[in-house]
Amino acid sequence: MPTKLFVGGIPYRTTEEELQQLFSQAGEVVSVFIPTDKETRRPRGFAFVEMADDASAEKAISMFDGSDMGGRKIAVNMARPMANRG
């Protein structure tokens, strides 16, 4: 079952392809999503990377959490479910 990771602090110029290549070092990447601001359409500085299984996700966290990406220290952890904005 796929496991979604939150990747924070990425450089604003980072592409989904770059994240796909980076995280594939830890295992199979199912999808990559970089949210953009609704008004400016610019990246928001974080992404979601979906790994094929828990083992790949754990490996990605241990490999990349706190690592340098384009001069910025990134944070990688399990994504939490979106809060109800009711």
Foldseek 3Di string as FASTA:
>chain_A
DKFKKKKAQAPQVDDQVNVCVVLCVLPHWPGKAFDADPPPRTTPGMIMIIHPDPNSLVSSQVVQAQDDHPNTGMHMDGDDDDDDPD
